C-alpha atoms as a PDB file:
ATOM      1  CA  UNK A   1      31.510 -86.113  -7.630  1.00  0.00           C
ATOM      2  CA  UNK A   2      34.278 -85.748  -5.349  1.00  0.00           C
ATOM      3  CA  UNK A   3      36.246 -83.744  -7.588  1.00  0.00           C
ATOM      4  CA  UNK A   4      33.510 -81.457  -8.620  1.00  0.00           C
ATOM      5  CA  UNK A   5      32.907 -81.080  -4.471  1.00  0.00           C
ATOM      6  CA  UNK A   6      36.655 -79.796  -4.096  1.00  0.00           C
ATOM      7  CA  UNK A   7      36.699 -78.315  -7.079  1.00  0.00           C
ATOM      8  CA  UNK A   8      34.204 -75.607  -6.001  1.00  0.00           C
ATOM      9  CA  UNK A   9      35.023 -75.996  -2.546  1.00  0.00           C
ATOM     10  CA  UNK A  10      38.632 -74.276  -3.795  1.00  0.00           C
ATOM     11  CA  UNK A  11      36.668 -71.784  -6.074  1.00  0.00           C
ATOM     12  CA  UNK A  12      35.204 -71.115  -2.738  1.00  0.00           C
ATOM     13  CA  UNK A  13      38.339 -70.076  -0.736  1.00  0.00           C
ATOM     14  CA  UNK A  14      39.938 -67.976  -3.598  1.00  0.00           C
ATOM     15  CA  UNK A  15      36.754 -66.136  -3.802  1.00  0.00           C
ATOM     16  CA  UNK A  16      36.657 -65.586  -0.419  1.00  0.00           C
ATOM     17  CA  UNK A  17      40.200 -64.603  -0.162  1.00  0.00           C
ATOM     18  CA  UNK A  18      40.420 -62.961  -3.089  1.00  0.00           C
ATOM     19  CA  UNK A  19      36.862 -61.125  -1.177  1.00  0.00           C
ATOM     20  CA  UNK A  20      39.283 -60.497   1.865  1.00  0.00           C
ATOM     21  CA  UNK A  21      42.233 -58.465  -0.141  1.00  0.00           C
ATOM     22  CA  UNK A  22      39.253 -56.564  -2.009  1.00  0.00           C
ATOM     23  CA  UNK A  23      38.407 -55.352   1.292  1.00  0.00           C
ATOM     24  CA  UNK A  24      41.603 -54.747   2.651  1.00  0.00           C
ATOM     25  CA  UNK A  25      43.012 -52.646  -0.162  1.00  0.00           C
ATOM     26  CA  UNK A  26      39.774 -50.616  -0.397  1.00  0.00           C
ATOM     27  CA  UNK A  27      39.983 -50.025   3.757  1.00  0.00           C
ATOM     28  CA  UNK A  28      43.894 -48.732   3.128  1.00  0.00           C
ATOM     29  CA  UNK A  29      42.189 -46.503   0.816  1.00  0.00           C
ATOM     30  CA  UNK A  30      39.431 -45.237   2.347  1.00  0.00           C
ATOM     31  CA  UNK A  31      42.231 -44.718   4.768  1.00  0.00           C
ATOM     32  CA  UNK A  32      44.524 -42.920   3.101  1.00  0.00           C
ATOM     33  CA  UNK A  33      41.597 -40.136   1.534  1.00  0.00           C
ATOM     34  CA  UNK A  34      40.604 -39.770   4.850  1.00  0.00           C
ATOM     35  CA  UNK A  35      43.981 -38.206   5.244  1.00  0.00           C
ATOM     36  CA  UNK A  36      43.799 -36.269   2.641  1.00  0.00           C
ATOM     37  CA  UNK A  37      40.426 -34.790   3.536  1.00  0.00           C
ATOM     38  CA  UNK A  38      42.072 -33.779   6.552  1.00  0.00           C
ATOM     39  CA  UNK A  39      44.400 -32.428   5.489  1.00  0.00           C
ATOM     40  CA  UNK A  40      42.318 -30.342   3.172  1.00  0.00           C
ATOM     41  CA  UNK A  41      39.834 -29.549   5.945  1.00  0.00           C
ATOM     42  CA  UNK A  42      42.916 -28.048   8.234  1.00  0.00           C
ATOM     43  CA  UNK A  43      44.274 -26.432   5.047  1.00  0.00           C
ATOM     44  CA  UNK A  44      40.959 -25.170   4.181  1.00  0.00           C
ATOM     45  CA  UNK A  45      40.774 -23.271   7.609  1.00  0.00           C
ATOM     46  CA  UNK A  46      43.988 -21.608   7.753  1.00  0.00           C
ATOM     47  CA  UNK A  47      43.232 -20.044   4.514  1.00  0.00           C
ATOM     48  CA  UNK A  48      39.861 -18.596   5.633  1.00  0.00           C
ATOM     49  CA  UNK A  49      42.172 -17.789   8.393  1.00  0.00           C
ATOM     50  CA  UNK A  50      44.285 -15.743   6.524  1.00  0.00           C
ATOM     51  CA  UNK A  51      40.903 -14.041   4.101  1.00  0.00           C
ATOM     52  CA  UNK A  52      39.890 -13.032   7.196  1.00  0.00           C
ATOM     53  CA  UNK A  53      42.751 -11.079   8.243  1.00  0.00           C
ATOM     54  CA  UNK A  54      43.685  -9.982   4.834  1.00  0.00           C
ATOM     55  CA  UNK A  55      39.670  -8.467   5.250  1.00  0.00           C
ATOM     56  CA  UNK A  56      40.451  -6.394   7.782  1.00  0.00           C
ATOM     57  CA  UNK A  57      43.876  -5.423   7.200  1.00  0.00           C
ATOM     58  CA  UNK A  58      42.300  -4.124   3.893  1.00  0.00           C
ATOM     59  CA  UNK A  59      39.924  -1.719   5.628  1.00  0.00           C
ATOM     60  CA  UNK A  60      42.207  -0.855   8.203  1.00  0.00           C
ATOM     61  CA  UNK A  61      44.561   0.378   4.869  1.00  0.00           C
ATOM     62  CA  UNK A  62      41.850   1.952   3.297  1.00  0.00           C
ATOM     63  CA  UNK A  63      40.557   3.943   6.540  1.00  0.00           C
ATOM     64  CA  UNK A  64      39.653   7.533   5.990  1.00  0.00           C
ATOM     65  CA  UNK A  65      41.033   8.359   8.656  1.00  0.00           C
ATOM     66  CA  UNK A  66      43.905   6.627   7.984  1.00  0.00           C
ATOM     67  CA  UNK A  67      44.633   8.392   4.450  1.00  0.00           C
ATOM     68  CA  UNK A  68      43.552  11.322   5.887  1.00  0.00           C
ATOM     69  CA  UNK A  69      46.542  10.841   8.897  1.00  0.00           C
ATOM     70  CA  UNK A  70      48.665   9.793   5.697  1.00  0.00           C
ATOM     71  CA  UNK A  71      48.040  12.473   3.669  1.00  0.00           C
ATOM     72  CA  UNK A  72      48.697  15.270   6.519  1.00  0.00           C
ATOM     73  CA  UNK A  73      52.116  13.595   7.528  1.00  0.00           C
ATOM     74  CA  UNK A  74      53.769  12.348   4.313  1.00  0.00           C
ATOM     75  CA  UNK A  75      52.177  15.014   1.966  1.00  0.00           C
ATOM     76  CA  UNK A  76      51.453  17.804   4.589  1.00  0.00           C
ATOM     77  CA  UNK A  77      48.226  18.707   3.482  1.00  0.00           C
ATOM     78  CA  UNK A  78      45.727  20.290   5.025  1.00  0.00           C
ATOM     79  CA  UNK A  79      41.950  20.945   4.958  1.00  0.00           C
ATOM     80  CA  UNK A  80      40.803  24.251   2.912  1.00  0.00           C
ATOM     81  CA  UNK A  81      39.388  26.795   4.813  1.00  0.00           C
ATOM     82  CA  UNK A  82      35.915  27.916   4.098  1.00  0.00           C
ATOM     83  CA  UNK A  83      36.819  30.875   2.203  1.00  0.00           C
ATOM     84  CA  UNK A  84      39.052  28.889   0.211  1.00  0.00           C
ATOM     85  CA  UNK A  85      36.336  26.348  -0.996  1.00  0.00           C
ATOM     86  CA  UNK A  86      34.798  26.851  -3.946  1.00  0.00           C
ATOM     87  CA  UNK A  87      31.396  25.232  -4.987  1.00  0.00           C
ATOM     88  CA  UNK A  88      30.893  25.081  -8.910  1.00  0.00           C
ATOM     89  CA  UNK A  89      27.277  24.245 -10.093  1.00  0.00           C
ATOM     90  CA  UNK A  90      26.837  23.471 -13.709  1.00  0.00           C
ATOM     91  CA  UNK A  91      24.540  21.191 -16.294  1.00  0.00           C
ATOM     92  CA  UNK A  92      27.130  19.783 -17.794  1.00  0.00           C
ATOM     93  CA  UNK A  93      29.423  16.781 -16.112  1.00  0.00           C
END
């Protein structure tokens, strides 16, 4: 009976140690995953800021006034006089 009790106690000690090692391992993994998550969240925030900046830049580049100014400055284009405008009407597109 003493041998059985010693075996049970030894088995329980081994199981407790294995459980403790499992808890420590899972806590370590959880900390690593948390670190990766925080890094990716920071990266996502930076990408959102860059996306917003790019949208603003795009809207600036295609703004009508900017296109008109570039056409006038670089290409020397001017608005036509009313007498130079011809309106064509027709049924065919």
